[in-house]
Protein backbone atom coordinates (compact mmCIF):
# COMPACT_ATOMS: atom_id res chain seq x y z
CA MET A 1 11.96 -106.53 -26.55
CA GLU A 2 14.38 -104.30 -28.18
CA ARG A 3 11.82 -101.53 -28.38
CA VAL A 4 11.55 -101.63 -24.44
CA GLU A 5 15.31 -101.60 -24.28
CA ILE A 6 15.57 -98.51 -26.27
CA ALA A 7 12.59 -96.82 -24.73
CA LEU A 8 14.13 -97.65 -21.06
CA GLU A 9 17.42 -96.35 -22.28
CA GLU A 10 15.88 -92.99 -23.12
CA LEU A 11 14.59 -92.73 -19.88
CA GLY A 12 18.03 -93.31 -18.04
CA PHE A 13 17.73 -96.95 -17.51
CA ASN A 14 20.60 -99.20 -17.84
CA LYS A 15 20.18 -102.84 -18.63
CA GLY A 16 22.10 -105.05 -16.24
CA MET A 17 22.69 -108.78 -16.21
CA GLY A 18 19.75 -110.83 -17.96
CA ARG A 19 16.32 -109.23 -17.93
CA TYR A 20 16.98 -106.41 -15.17
CA PHE A 21 17.27 -102.68 -15.83
CA SER A 22 18.51 -99.98 -13.26
CA HIS A 23 18.13 -96.48 -12.70
CA PRO A 24 20.74 -94.32 -11.18
CA ASP A 25 18.03 -92.63 -8.94
CA THR A 26 16.70 -95.39 -7.54
CA GLU A 27 17.79 -98.83 -5.94
CA LEU A 28 14.75 -100.51 -7.47
CA LEU A 29 14.90 -102.82 -10.40
CA ILE A 30 12.65 -103.47 -13.36
CA GLU A 31 12.40 -107.13 -14.50
CA PHE A 32 10.92 -108.44 -17.58
CA PRO A 33 10.45 -112.42 -16.57
CA PRO A 34 10.07 -114.53 -19.81
CA GLY A 35 6.50 -115.94 -20.46
CA PRO A 36 4.58 -117.49 -19.45
CA LEU A 37 3.83 -115.69 -16.44
CA SER A 38 3.96 -117.86 -13.45
CA ILE A 39 4.33 -117.98 -9.76
CA GLY A 40 6.30 -120.67 -8.58
CA TYR A 41 4.96 -123.75 -10.32
CA SER A 42 1.75 -122.12 -11.13
CA PRO A 43 0.88 -120.10 -14.38
CA VAL A 44 -1.00 -116.84 -13.89
CA SER A 45 -4.13 -116.87 -15.72
CA SER A 46 -5.35 -113.28 -15.09
CA THR A 47 -4.15 -109.99 -13.91
CA ASN A 48 -5.14 -106.48 -13.10
CA LYS A 49 -5.12 -104.03 -15.84
CA ILE A 50 -4.42 -100.34 -15.82
CA THR A 51 -4.52 -98.34 -18.76
CA ILE A 52 -2.46 -95.27 -19.15
CA GLY A 53 -2.82 -93.38 -22.42
CA ASN A 54 -2.54 -95.76 -25.31
CA SER A 55 -0.78 -98.33 -22.99
CA THR A 56 -1.99 -101.25 -20.84
CA LEU A 57 -0.17 -102.50 -17.93
CA ASN A 58 -0.83 -106.10 -16.57
CA LEU A 59 -0.10 -106.15 -12.88
CA LEU A 60 -0.28 -108.88 -10.38
CA THR A 61 -3.48 -108.67 -8.01
CA PRO A 62 -2.28 -108.31 -4.22
CA THR A 63 -3.13 -111.94 -3.85
CA GLN A 64 -0.66 -112.68 -6.41
CA CYS A 65 1.92 -110.34 -5.23
CA VAL A 66 1.98 -111.97 -2.05
CA MET A 67 2.26 -115.49 -3.80
CA ASP A 68 5.05 -114.32 -5.68
CA ARG A 69 7.00 -113.03 -2.71
CA LEU A 70 6.11 -116.17 -0.60
CA SER A 71 7.72 -118.06 -3.82
CA ALA A 72 11.02 -116.25 -3.32
CA PHE A 73 10.59 -117.14 0.62
CA TYR A 74 9.85 -120.78 -0.09
CA HIS A 75 12.33 -121.65 -2.84
CA TRP A 76 15.26 -119.45 -1.86
CA SER A 77 14.83 -118.87 1.95
CA ASP A 78 14.72 -115.10 1.20
CA THR A 79 13.33 -113.90 4.43
CA GLN A 80 13.13 -110.26 2.94
CA SER A 81 10.52 -111.62 0.66
CA LEU A 82 8.83 -112.90 3.69
CA ALA A 83 8.87 -109.46 5.18
CA GLN A 84 7.44 -108.04 1.82
CA ALA A 85 4.37 -110.78 1.78
CA ILE A 86 3.45 -109.63 5.25
CA LEU A 87 3.35 -106.11 4.57
CA VAL A 88 1.37 -106.54 1.49
CA THR A 89 -1.02 -108.91 3.25
CA ALA A 90 -1.32 -106.15 6.09
CA LEU A 91 -1.94 -103.29 3.61
CA HIS A 92 -4.70 -105.21 1.34
CA ASP A 93 -7.21 -107.54 0.81
CA VAL A 94 -5.84 -110.89 -0.14
CA ASP A 95 -7.43 -114.47 -0.43
CA MET A 96 -5.38 -116.25 2.10
CA LYS A 97 -7.67 -119.53 0.98
CA CYS A 98 -6.06 -119.14 -2.21
CA ILE A 99 -2.78 -118.60 -0.75
CA SER A 100 -2.91 -121.59 1.33
CA ASP A 101 -4.02 -123.79 -1.55
CA TRP A 102 -1.15 -122.69 -3.69
CA SER A 103 1.26 -123.30 -0.85
CA THR A 104 0.19 -126.95 -0.78
CA ILE A 105 0.38 -127.25 -4.57
CA GLU A 106 4.03 -125.91 -4.18
CA GLY A 107 4.68 -128.36 -1.38
CA LYS A 108 5.36 -125.71 1.24
CA ILE A 109 2.56 -125.57 3.59
CA GLU A 110 4.83 -125.66 6.53
CA LEU A 111 6.28 -122.32 5.21
CA PHE A 112 3.09 -120.90 4.83
CA ASN A 113 1.93 -121.70 8.35
CA ARG A 114 5.32 -119.80 9.47
CA PHE A 115 4.13 -116.77 7.24
CA ARG A 116 0.64 -116.89 8.91
CA GLU A 117 2.65 -116.96 12.26
CA GLU A 118 4.89 -114.06 11.33
CA LEU A 119 1.82 -112.24 10.12
CA ASP A 120 -0.07 -112.64 13.41
CA LYS A 121 2.78 -111.41 15.39
CA SER A 122 3.20 -108.29 13.01
CA THR A 123 -0.55 -107.57 13.09
CA LYS A 124 -0.83 -107.99 17.00
CA GLY A 125 1.74 -105.29 17.43
CA ARG A 126 -0.36 -102.73 15.38
CA GLN A 127 -3.43 -103.24 17.57
């Protein structure tokens, strides 16, 4: 992690609390969560990969991104994360059965149903 910190500092990032880095030109943060990577209580077994030069980035799939945002909503009542999950779902193909099954495992099927209702309201306004 030390090499990452040095590289980010060279790009103008500042190490904040814990595993977060900020840059003065954006409100967005970079986070390096501890492994193994998981969403809620479920480990992530595969990711999308993007290669740039000699580097490979492992990225969450759109479905995993929705699950990650819903995890914040489910466990911390973060309504901004609910809105983000709705936006990602509206813009990308996601596996709703996978998200529903995962929500059941998390013990949050009632909140998944709220997500579906909010998603339905959101998409009706766009038609």
